[in-house]
Amino acid sequence: LTVTMALLDQKRAELKDVEDHLVVLHKCFEEKTEEKTRLELQVNLCAKKLGRAEKLIGGLGGEKTRWSKAADDLQNTYDNLTGDVLISAGVIAYLG
């Protein structure tokens, strides 16, 4: 009987160790599940941001051409400014 009780106590101790380990594993599982959920939300948020950024870049693609043309036009106007002022001064002097 003493041997059987000792064996029973040993098995109970082993069972307690296994149950404690199971609790630790369950807690780890819950933490990892929460982390997975959080990371999935971040992935969705990043995907939405990427989509908006692609739309913005696509929309601004034509702006580069427009601004380059505007800069060229302004440079042309600036290059002709001296001559325009000289002609205007001549017209003003002639007329008046």
PDB file of N, CA and C in Angstrom:
ATOM      1  N   LEU A   1       0.830  -1.196   0.000  1.00  0.00           N
ATOM      2  CA  LEU A   1       0.000   0.000   0.000  1.00  0.00           C
ATOM      3  C   LEU A   1       0.872   1.255   0.000  1.00  0.00           C
ATOM      4  N   THR A   2       1.939   1.240   0.767  1.00  0.00           N
ATOM      5  CA  THR A   2       2.832   2.391   0.832  1.00  0.00           C
ATOM      6  C   THR A   2       3.480   2.639  -0.519  1.00  0.00           C
ATOM      7  N   VAL A   3       3.858   1.565  -1.177  1.00  0.00           N
ATOM      8  CA  VAL A   3       4.472   1.686  -2.502  1.00  0.00           C
ATOM      9  C   VAL A   3       3.457   2.248  -3.490  1.00  0.00           C
ATOM     10  N   THR A   4       2.247   1.796  -3.421  1.00  0.00           N
ATOM     11  CA  THR A   4       1.195   2.275  -4.315  1.00  0.00           C
ATOM     12  C   THR A   4       0.889   3.744  -4.053  1.00  0.00           C
ATOM     13  N   MET A   5       0.851   4.137  -2.780  1.00  0.00           N
ATOM     14  CA  MET A   5       0.598   5.540  -2.447  1.00  0.00           C
ATOM     15  C   MET A   5       1.751   6.425  -2.922  1.00  0.00           C
ATOM     16  N   ALA A   6       2.975   5.929  -2.784  1.00  0.00           N
ATOM     17  CA  ALA A   6       4.137   6.694  -3.252  1.00  0.00           C
ATOM     18  C   ALA A   6       4.073   6.854  -4.770  1.00  0.00           C
ATOM     19  N   LEU A   7       3.702   5.787  -5.450  1.00  0.00           N
ATOM     20  CA  LEU A   7       3.568   5.842  -6.907  1.00  0.00           C
ATOM     21  C   LEU A   7       2.446   6.797  -7.301  1.00  0.00           C
ATOM     22  N   LEU A   8       1.339   6.772  -6.549  1.00  0.00           N
ATOM     23  CA  LEU A   8       0.222   7.680  -6.816  1.00  0.00           C
ATOM     24  C   LEU A   8       0.652   9.135  -6.614  1.00  0.00           C
ATOM     25  N   ASP A   9       1.387   9.410  -5.547  1.00  0.00           N
ATOM     26  CA  ASP A   9       1.882  10.769  -5.300  1.00  0.00           C
ATOM     27  C   ASP A   9       2.826  11.221  -6.409  1.00  0.00           C
ATOM     28  N   GLN A  10       3.649  10.289  -6.856  1.00  0.00           N
ATOM     29  CA  GLN A  10       4.586  10.613  -7.948  1.00  0.00           C
ATOM     30  C   GLN A  10       3.810  10.947  -9.221  1.00  0.00           C
ATOM     31  N   LYS A  11       2.798  10.167  -9.529  1.00  0.00           N
ATOM     32  CA  LYS A  11       1.996  10.405 -10.735  1.00  0.00           C
ATOM     33  C   LYS A  11       1.207  11.707 -10.614  1.00  0.00           C
ATOM     34  N   ARG A  12       0.727  12.011  -9.399  1.00  0.00           N
ATOM     35  CA  ARG A  12       0.027  13.275  -9.194  1.00  0.00           C
ATOM     36  C   ARG A  12       0.977  14.459  -9.409  1.00  0.00           C
ATOM     37  N   ALA A  13       2.211  14.314  -8.926  1.00  0.00           N
ATOM     38  CA  ALA A  13       3.205  15.379  -9.119  1.00  0.00           C
ATOM     39  C   ALA A  13       3.503  15.559 -10.609  1.00  0.00           C
ATOM     40  N   GLU A  14       3.626  14.440 -11.318  1.00  0.00           N
ATOM     41  CA  GLU A  14       3.861  14.518 -12.765  1.00  0.00           C
ATOM     42  C   GLU A  14       2.673  15.176 -13.465  1.00  0.00           C
ATOM     43  N   LEU A  15       1.461  14.819 -13.038  1.00  0.00           N
ATOM     44  CA  LEU A  15       0.256  15.408 -13.617  1.00  0.00           C
ATOM     45  C   LEU A  15       0.217  16.909 -13.358  1.00  0.00           C
ATOM     46  N   LYS A  16       0.590  17.337 -12.145  1.00  0.00           N
ATOM     47  CA  LYS A  16       0.614  18.762 -11.826  1.00  0.00           C
ATOM     48  C   LYS A  16       1.638  19.483 -12.703  1.00  0.00           C
ATOM     49  N   ASP A  17       2.809  18.867 -12.905  1.00  0.00           N
ATOM     50  CA  ASP A  17       3.818  19.473 -13.780  1.00  0.00           C
ATOM     51  C   ASP A  17       3.287  19.623 -15.204  1.00  0.00           C
ATOM     52  N   VAL A  18       2.607  18.591 -15.688  1.00  0.00           N
ATOM     53  CA  VAL A  18       2.051  18.635 -17.040  1.00  0.00           C
ATOM     54  C   VAL A  18       0.958  19.698 -17.130  1.00  0.00           C
ATOM     55  N   GLU A  19       0.103  19.779 -16.114  1.00  0.00           N
ATOM     56  CA  GLU A  19      -0.955  20.794 -16.117  1.00  0.00           C
ATOM     57  C   GLU A  19      -0.370  22.200 -16.053  1.00  0.00           C
ATOM     58  N   ASP A  20       0.679  22.394 -15.233  1.00  0.00           N
ATOM     59  CA  ASP A  20       1.344  23.703 -15.166  1.00  0.00           C
ATOM     60  C   ASP A  20       1.948  24.071 -16.520  1.00  0.00           C
ATOM     61  N   HIS A  21       2.565  23.083 -17.147  1.00  0.00           N
ATOM     62  CA  HIS A  21       3.152  23.323 -18.474  1.00  0.00           C
ATOM     63  C   HIS A  21       2.053  23.649 -19.488  1.00  0.00           C
ATOM     64  N   LEU A  22       0.918  22.977 -19.362  1.00  0.00           N
ATOM     65  CA  LEU A  22      -0.215  23.237 -20.249  1.00  0.00           C
ATOM     66  C   LEU A  22      -0.739  24.661 -20.060  1.00  0.00           C
ATOM     67  N   VAL A  23      -0.795  25.137 -18.820  1.00  0.00           N
ATOM     68  CA  VAL A  23      -1.241  26.507 -18.549  1.00  0.00           C
ATOM     69  C   VAL A  23      -0.282  27.499 -19.201  1.00  0.00           C
ATOM     70  N   VAL A  24       1.023  27.244 -19.071  1.00  0.00           N
ATOM     71  CA  VAL A  24       2.024  28.127 -19.684  1.00  0.00           C
ATOM     72  C   VAL A  24       1.865  28.128 -21.204  1.00  0.00           C
ATOM     73  N   LEU A  25       1.677  26.951 -21.775  1.00  0.00           N
ATOM     74  CA  LEU A  25       1.499  26.861 -23.227  1.00  0.00           C
ATOM     75  C   LEU A  25       0.222  27.568 -23.674  1.00  0.00           C
ATOM     76  N   HIS A  26      -0.838  27.444 -22.917  1.00  0.00           N
ATOM     77  CA  HIS A  26      -2.108  28.100 -23.257  1.00  0.00           C
ATOM     78  C   HIS A  26      -1.949  29.618 -23.214  1.00  0.00           C
ATOM     79  N   LYS A  27      -1.252  30.112 -22.198  1.00  0.00           N
ATOM     80  CA  LYS A  27      -1.007  31.550 -22.086  1.00  0.00           C
ATOM     81  C   LYS A  27      -0.165  32.037 -23.267  1.00  0.00           C
ATOM     82  N   CYS A  28       0.859  31.271 -23.613  1.00  0.00           N
ATOM     83  CA  CYS A  28       1.705  31.621 -24.767  1.00  0.00           C
ATOM     84  C   CYS A  28       0.877  31.625 -26.050  1.00  0.00           C
ATOM     85  N   PHE A  29      -0.016  30.647 -26.189  1.00  0.00           N
ATOM     86  CA  PHE A  29      -0.882  30.583 -27.365  1.00  0.00           C
ATOM     87  C   PHE A  29      -1.764  31.821 -27.465  1.00  0.00           C
ATOM     88  N   GLU A  30      -2.349  32.236 -26.343  1.00  0.00           N
ATOM     89  CA  GLU A  30      -3.205  33.426 -26.347  1.00  0.00           C
ATOM     90  C   GLU A  30      -2.409  34.673 -26.721  1.00  0.00           C
ATOM     91  N   GLU A  31      -1.193  34.802 -26.174  1.00  0.00           N
ATOM     92  CA  GLU A  31      -0.352  35.959 -26.500  1.00  0.00           C
ATOM     93  C   GLU A  31      -0.016  35.983 -27.990  1.00  0.00           C
ATOM     94  N   LYS A  32       0.337  34.830 -28.530  1.00  0.00           N
ATOM     95  CA  LYS A  32       0.697  34.763 -29.952  1.00  0.00           C
ATOM     96  C   LYS A  32      -0.519  35.021 -30.838  1.00  0.00           C
ATOM     97  N   THR A  33      -1.692  34.577 -30.388  1.00  0.00           N
ATOM     98  CA  THR A  33      -2.912  34.836 -31.149  1.00  0.00           C
ATOM     99  C   THR A  33      -3.216  36.330 -31.175  1.00  0.00           C
ATOM    100  N   GLU A  34      -3.046  36.994 -30.025  1.00  0.00           N
ATOM    101  CA  GLU A  34      -3.255  38.444 -29.980  1.00  0.00           C
ATOM    102  C   GLU A  34      -2.246  39.168 -30.864  1.00  0.00           C
ATOM    103  N   GLU A  35      -0.993  38.710 -30.828  1.00  0.00           N
ATOM    104  CA  GLU A  35       0.037  39.325 -31.672  1.00  0.00           C
ATOM    105  C   GLU A  35      -0.292  39.123 -33.149  1.00  0.00           C
ATOM    106  N   LYS A  36      -0.778  37.932 -33.501  1.00  0.00           N
ATOM    107  CA  LYS A  36      -1.161  37.655 -34.888  1.00  0.00           C
ATOM    108  C   LYS A  36      -2.276  38.595 -35.332  1.00  0.00           C
ATOM    109  N   THR A  37      -3.272  38.789 -34.468  1.00  0.00           N
ATOM    110  CA  THR A  37      -4.382  39.689 -34.790  1.00  0.00           C
ATOM    111  C   THR A  37      -3.880  41.113 -34.980  1.00  0.00           C
ATOM    112  N   ARG A  38      -3.002  41.547 -34.079  1.00  0.00           N
ATOM    113  CA  ARG A  38      -2.450  42.898 -34.170  1.00  0.00           C
ATOM    114  C   ARG A  38      -1.649  43.068 -35.465  1.00  0.00           C
ATOM    115  N   LEU A  39      -0.854  42.064 -35.802  1.00  0.00           N
ATOM    116  CA  LEU A  39      -0.058  42.146 -37.028  1.00  0.00           C
ATOM    117  C   LEU A  39      -0.939  42.131 -38.275  1.00  0.00           C
ATOM    118  N   GLU A  40      -2.030  41.371 -38.237  1.00  0.00           N
ATOM    119  CA  GLU A  40      -2.950  41.368 -39.376  1.00  0.00           C
ATOM    120  C   GLU A  40      -3.578  42.744 -39.564  1.00  0.00           C
ATOM    121  N   LEU A  41      -3.924  43.401 -38.458  1.00  0.00           N
ATOM    122  CA  LEU A  41      -4.467  44.760 -38.549  1.00  0.00           C
ATOM    123  C   LEU A  41      -3.433  45.719 -39.135  1.00  0.00           C
ATOM    124  N   GLN A  42      -2.175  45.559 -38.720  1.00  0.00           N
ATOM    125  CA  GLN A  42      -1.117  46.407 -39.269  1.00  0.00           C
ATOM    126  C   GLN A  42      -0.929  46.154 -40.764  1.00  0.00           C
ATOM    127  N   VAL A  43      -1.012  44.897 -41.171  1.00  0.00           N
ATOM    128  CA  VAL A  43      -0.870  44.566 -42.593  1.00  0.00           C
ATOM    129  C   VAL A  43      -1.992  45.223 -43.390  1.00  0.00           C
ATOM    130  N   ASN A  44      -3.221  45.147 -42.882  1.00  0.00           N
ATOM    131  CA  ASN A  44      -4.350  45.773 -43.576  1.00  0.00           C
ATOM    132  C   ASN A  44      -4.174  47.279 -43.660  1.00  0.00           C
ATOM    133  N   LEU A  45      -3.727  47.890 -42.561  1.00  0.00           N
ATOM    134  CA  LEU A  45      -3.512  49.333 -42.546  1.00  0.00           C
ATOM    135  C   LEU A  45      -2.421  49.728 -43.539  1.00  0.00           C
ATOM    136  N   CYS A  46      -1.337  48.962 -43.560  1.00  0.00           N
ATOM    137  CA  CYS A  46      -0.252  49.260 -44.506  1.00  0.00           C
ATOM    138  C   CYS A  46      -0.707  49.076 -45.950  1.00  0.00           C
ATOM    139  N   ALA A  47      -1.532  48.071 -46.197  1.00  0.00           N
ATOM    140  CA  ALA A  47      -2.039  47.856 -47.554  1.00  0.00           C
ATOM    141  C   ALA A  47      -2.908  49.030 -47.994  1.00  0.00           C
ATOM    142  N   LYS A  48      -3.734  49.547 -47.082  1.00  0.00           N
ATOM    143  CA  LYS A  48      -4.566  50.710 -47.418  1.00  0.00           C
ATOM    144  C   LYS A  48      -3.694  51.932 -47.685  1.00  0.00           C
ATOM    145  N   LYS A  49      -2.675  52.135 -46.849  1.00  0.00           N
ATOM    146  CA  LYS A  49      -1.771  53.273 -47.044  1.00  0.00           C
ATOM    147  C   LYS A  49      -1.037  53.148 -48.375  1.00  0.00           C
ATOM    148  N   LEU A  50      -0.611  51.931 -48.704  1.00  0.00           N
ATOM    149  CA  LEU A  50       0.083  51.710 -49.969  1.00  0.00           C
ATOM    150  C   LEU A  50      -0.833  52.010 -51.144  1.00  0.00           C
ATOM    151  N   GLY A  51      -2.077  51.590 -51.058  1.00  0.00           N
ATOM    152  CA  GLY A  51      -3.036  51.880 -52.129  1.00  0.00           C
ATOM    153  C   GLY A  51      -3.250  53.371 -52.304  1.00  0.00           C
ATOM    154  N   ARG A  52      -3.384  54.089 -51.186  1.00  0.00           N
ATOM    155  CA  ARG A  52      -3.556  55.544 -51.273  1.00  0.00           C
ATOM    156  C   ARG A  52      -2.309  56.211 -51.832  1.00  0.00           C
ATOM    157  N   ALA A  53      -1.139  55.725 -51.435  1.00  0.00           N
ATOM    158  CA  ALA A  53       0.106  56.306 -51.939  1.00  0.00           C
ATOM    159  C   ALA A  53       0.239  56.080 -53.444  1.00  0.00           C
ATOM    160  N   GLU A  54      -0.144  54.887 -53.904  1.00  0.00           N
ATOM    161  CA  GLU A  54      -0.080  54.613 -55.342  1.00  0.00           C
ATOM    162  C   GLU A  54      -1.032  55.523 -56.110  1.00  0.00           C
ATOM    163  N   LYS A  55      -2.235  55.748 -55.562  1.00  0.00           N
ATOM    164  CA  LYS A  55      -3.176  56.665 -56.215  1.00  0.00           C
ATOM    165  C   LYS A  55      -2.601  58.074 -56.268  1.00  0.00           C
ATOM    166  N   LEU A  56      -2.007  58.507 -55.166  1.00  0.00           N
ATOM    167  CA  LEU A  56      -1.438  59.851 -55.100  1.00  0.00           C
ATOM    168  C   LEU A  56      -0.289  60.005 -56.088  1.00  0.00           C
ATOM    169  N   ILE A  57       0.586  59.025 -56.131  1.00  0.00           N
ATOM    170  CA  ILE A  57       1.713  59.091 -57.062  1.00  0.00           C
ATOM    171  C   ILE A  57       1.211  59.064 -58.499  1.00  0.00           C
ATOM    172  N   GLY A  58       0.210  58.220 -58.767  1.00  0.00           N
ATOM    173  CA  GLY A  58      -0.366  58.176 -60.110  1.00  0.00           C
ATOM    174  C   GLY A  58      -1.001  59.499 -60.491  1.00  0.00           C
ATOM    175  N   GLY A  59      -1.683  60.120 -59.540  1.00  0.00           N
ATOM    176  CA  GLY A  59      -2.323  61.409 -59.806  1.00  0.00           C
ATOM    177  C   GLY A  59      -1.319  62.522 -60.003  1.00  0.00           C
ATOM    178  N   LEU A  60      -0.207  62.439 -59.311  1.00  0.00           N
ATOM    179  CA  LEU A  60       0.810  63.482 -59.431  1.00  0.00           C
ATOM    180  C   LEU A  60       1.752  63.247 -60.607  1.00  0.00           C
ATOM    181  N   GLY A  61       1.624  62.119 -61.268  1.00  0.00           N
ATOM    182  CA  GLY A  61       2.491  61.829 -62.407  1.00  0.00           C
ATOM    183  C   GLY A  61       2.367  62.875 -63.497  1.00  0.00           C
ATOM    184  N   GLY A  62       1.155  63.332 -63.788  1.00  0.00           N
ATOM    185  CA  GLY A  62       0.940  64.353 -64.803  1.00  0.00           C
ATOM    186  C   GLY A  62       1.364  65.730 -64.338  1.00  0.00           C
ATOM    187  N   GLU A  63       1.413  65.933 -63.027  1.00  0.00           N
ATOM    188  CA  GLU A  63       1.808  67.232 -62.492  1.00  0.00           C
ATOM    189  C   GLU A  63       3.260  67.549 -62.827  1.00  0.00           C
ATOM    190  N   LYS A  64       4.108  66.536 -62.874  1.00  0.00           N
ATOM    191  CA  LYS A  64       5.521  66.776 -63.190  1.00  0.00           C
ATOM    192  C   LYS A  64       5.650  67.383 -64.578  1.00  0.00           C
ATOM    193  N   THR A  65       4.917  66.829 -65.519  1.00  0.00           N
ATOM    194  CA  THR A  65       4.956  67.343 -66.888  1.00  0.00           C
ATOM    195  C   THR A  65       4.439  68.777 -66.931  1.00  0.00           C
ATOM    196  N   ARG A  66       3.342  69.019 -66.238  1.00  0.00           N
ATOM    197  CA  ARG A  66       2.756  70.358 -66.233  1.00  0.00           C
ATOM    198  C   ARG A  66       3.706  71.369 -65.602  1.00  0.00           C
ATOM    199  N   TRP A  67       4.307  71.016 -64.467  1.00  0.00           N
ATOM    200  CA  TRP A  67       5.220  71.943 -63.799  1.00  0.00           C
ATOM    201  C   TRP A  67       6.497  72.150 -64.614  1.00  0.00           C
ATOM    202  N   SER A  68       6.971  71.118 -65.299  1.00  0.00           N
ATOM    203  CA  SER A  68       8.154  71.276 -66.159  1.00  0.00           C
ATOM    204  C   SER A  68       7.854  72.245 -67.295  1.00  0.00           C
ATOM    205  N   LYS A  69       6.657  72.117 -67.896  1.00  0.00           N
ATOM    206  CA  LYS A  69       6.280  73.029 -68.972  1.00  0.00           C
ATOM    207  C   LYS A  69       6.146  74.453 -68.442  1.00  0.00           C
ATOM    208  N   ALA A  70       5.543  74.615 -67.259  1.00  0.00           N
ATOM    209  CA  ALA A  70       5.405  75.947 -66.663  1.00  0.00           C
ATOM    210  C   ALA A  70       6.774  76.549 -66.374  1.00  0.00           C
ATOM    211  N   ALA A  71       7.718  75.741 -65.898  1.00  0.00           N
ATOM    212  CA  ALA A  71       9.068  76.236 -65.623  1.00  0.00           C
ATOM    213  C   ALA A  71       9.761  76.649 -66.916  1.00  0.00           C
ATOM    214  N   ASP A  72       9.589  75.872 -67.973  1.00  0.00           N
ATOM    215  CA  ASP A  72      10.180  76.236 -69.269  1.00  0.00           C
ATOM    216  C   ASP A  72       9.588  77.540 -69.794  1.00  0.00           C
ATOM    217  N   ASP A  73       8.265  77.698 -69.658  1.00  0.00           N
ATOM    218  CA  ASP A  73       7.611  78.938 -70.101  1.00  0.00           C
ATOM    219  C   ASP A  73       8.124  80.141 -69.311  1.00  0.00           C
ATOM    220  N   LEU A  74       8.276  79.980 -68.011  1.00  0.00           N
ATOM    221  CA  LEU A  74       8.792  81.076 -67.187  1.00  0.00           C
ATOM    222  C   LEU A  74      10.237  81.409 -67.548  1.00  0.00           C
ATOM    223  N   GLN A  75      11.033  80.385 -67.840  1.00  0.00           N
ATOM    224  CA  GLN A  75      12.423  80.639 -68.243  1.00  0.00           C
ATOM    225  C   GLN A  75      12.461  81.392 -69.569  1.00  0.00           C
ATOM    226  N   ASN A  76      11.584  81.024 -70.489  1.00  0.00           N
ATOM    227  CA  ASN A  76      11.507  81.711 -71.779  1.00  0.00           C
ATOM    228  C   ASN A  76      11.100  83.170 -71.575  1.00  0.00           C
ATOM    229  N   THR A  77      10.103  83.392 -70.703  1.00  0.00           N
ATOM    230  CA  THR A  77       9.671  84.763 -70.406  1.00  0.00           C
ATOM    231  C   THR A  77      10.808  85.556 -69.773  1.00  0.00           C
ATOM    232  N   TYR A  78      11.537  84.926 -68.863  1.00  0.00           N
ATOM    233  CA  TYR A  78      12.662  85.594 -68.199  1.00  0.00           C
ATOM    234  C   TYR A  78      13.761  85.931 -69.210  1.00  0.00           C
ATOM    235  N   ASP A  79      14.029  85.003 -70.133  1.00  0.00           N
ATOM    236  CA  ASP A  79      15.062  85.255 -71.148  1.00  0.00           C
ATOM    237  C   ASP A  79      14.679  86.433 -72.043  1.00  0.00           C
ATOM    238  N   ASN A  80      13.395  86.613 -72.320  1.00  0.00           N
ATOM    239  CA  ASN A  80      12.932  87.684 -73.208  1.00  0.00           C
ATOM    240  C   ASN A  80      12.636  88.986 -72.470  1.00  0.00           C
ATOM    241  N   LEU A  81      12.752  88.984 -71.157  1.00  0.00           N
ATOM    242  CA  LEU A  81      12.370  90.145 -70.356  1.00  0.00           C
ATOM    243  C   LEU A  81      13.188  91.390 -70.706  1.00  0.00           C
ATOM    244  N   THR A  82      14.481  91.236 -70.879  1.00  0.00           N
ATOM    245  CA  THR A  82      15.332  92.395 -71.183  1.00  0.00           C
ATOM    246  C   THR A  82      14.919  93.041 -72.502  1.00  0.00           C
ATOM    247  N   GLY A  83      14.706  92.222 -73.515  1.00  0.00           N
ATOM    248  CA  GLY A  83      14.293  92.754 -74.814  1.00  0.00           C
ATOM    249  C   GLY A  83      12.926  93.409 -74.744  1.00  0.00           C
ATOM    250  N   ASP A  84      11.990  92.789 -74.005  1.00  0.00           N
ATOM    251  CA  ASP A  84      10.648  93.365 -73.862  1.00  0.00           C
ATOM    252  C   ASP A  84      10.701  94.725 -73.169  1.00  0.00           C
ATOM    253  N   VAL A  85      11.541  94.838 -72.136  1.00  0.00           N
ATOM    254  CA  VAL A  85      11.675  96.115 -71.428  1.00  0.00           C
ATOM    255  C   VAL A  85      12.281  97.164 -72.354  1.00  0.00           C
ATOM    256  N   LEU A  86      13.264  96.773 -73.126  1.00  0.00           N
ATOM    257  CA  LEU A  86      13.915  97.706 -74.051  1.00  0.00           C
ATOM    258  C   LEU A  86      12.924  98.205 -75.106  1.00  0.00           C
ATOM    259  N   ILE A  87      12.134  97.293 -75.655  1.00  0.00           N
ATOM    260  CA  ILE A  87      11.131  97.692 -76.648  1.00  0.00           C
ATOM    261  C   ILE A  87      10.073  98.586 -76.003  1.00  0.00           C
ATOM    262  N   SER A  88       9.629  98.233 -74.802  1.00  0.00           N
ATOM    263  CA  SER A  88       8.629  99.054 -74.104  1.00  0.00           C
ATOM    264  C   SER A  88       9.168 100.450 -73.833  1.00  0.00           C
ATOM    265  N   ALA A  89      10.419 100.554 -73.436  1.00  0.00           N
ATOM    266  CA  ALA A  89      11.021 101.864 -73.174  1.00  0.00           C
ATOM    267  C   ALA A  89      11.091 102.680 -74.459  1.00  0.00           C
ATOM    268  N   GLY A  90      11.425 102.018 -75.564  1.00  0.00           N
ATOM    269  CA  GLY A  90      11.475 102.713 -76.852  1.00  0.00           C
ATOM    270  C   GLY A  90      10.108 103.226 -77.260  1.00  0.00           C
ATOM    271  N   VAL A  91       9.069 102.408 -77.073  1.00  0.00           N
ATOM    272  CA  VAL A  91       7.712 102.814 -77.434  1.00  0.00           C
ATOM    273  C   VAL A  91       7.276 103.989 -76.573  1.00  0.00           C
ATOM    274  N   ILE A  92       7.553 103.927 -75.280  1.00  0.00           N
ATOM    275  CA  ILE A  92       7.175 105.028 -74.376  1.00  0.00           C
ATOM    276  C   ILE A  92       7.912 106.307 -74.756  1.00  0.00           C
ATOM    277  N   ALA A  93       9.201 106.192 -75.082  1.00  0.00           N
ATOM    278  CA  ALA A  93       9.977 107.382 -75.462  1.00  0.00           C
ATOM    279  C   ALA A  93       9.458 107.956 -76.780  1.00  0.00           C
ATOM    280  N   TYR A  94       9.099 107.090 -77.725  1.00  0.00           N
ATOM    281  CA  TYR A  94       8.627 107.550 -79.018  1.00  0.00           C
ATOM    282  C   TYR A  94       7.271 108.237 -78.894  1.00  0.00           C
ATOM    283  N   LEU A  95       6.380 107.611 -78.068  1.00  0.00           N
ATOM    284  CA  LEU A  95       5.037 108.156 -77.942  1.00  0.00           C
ATOM    285  C   LEU A  95       4.970 109.333 -76.967  1.00  0.00           C
ATOM    286  N   GLY A  96       5.971 109.414 -76.187  1.00  0.00           N
ATOM    287  CA  GLY A  96       5.759 110.411 -75.345  1.00  0.00           C
ATOM    288  C   GLY A  96       6.279 111.237 -74.383  1.00  0.00           C
TER     289      GLY A  96
END
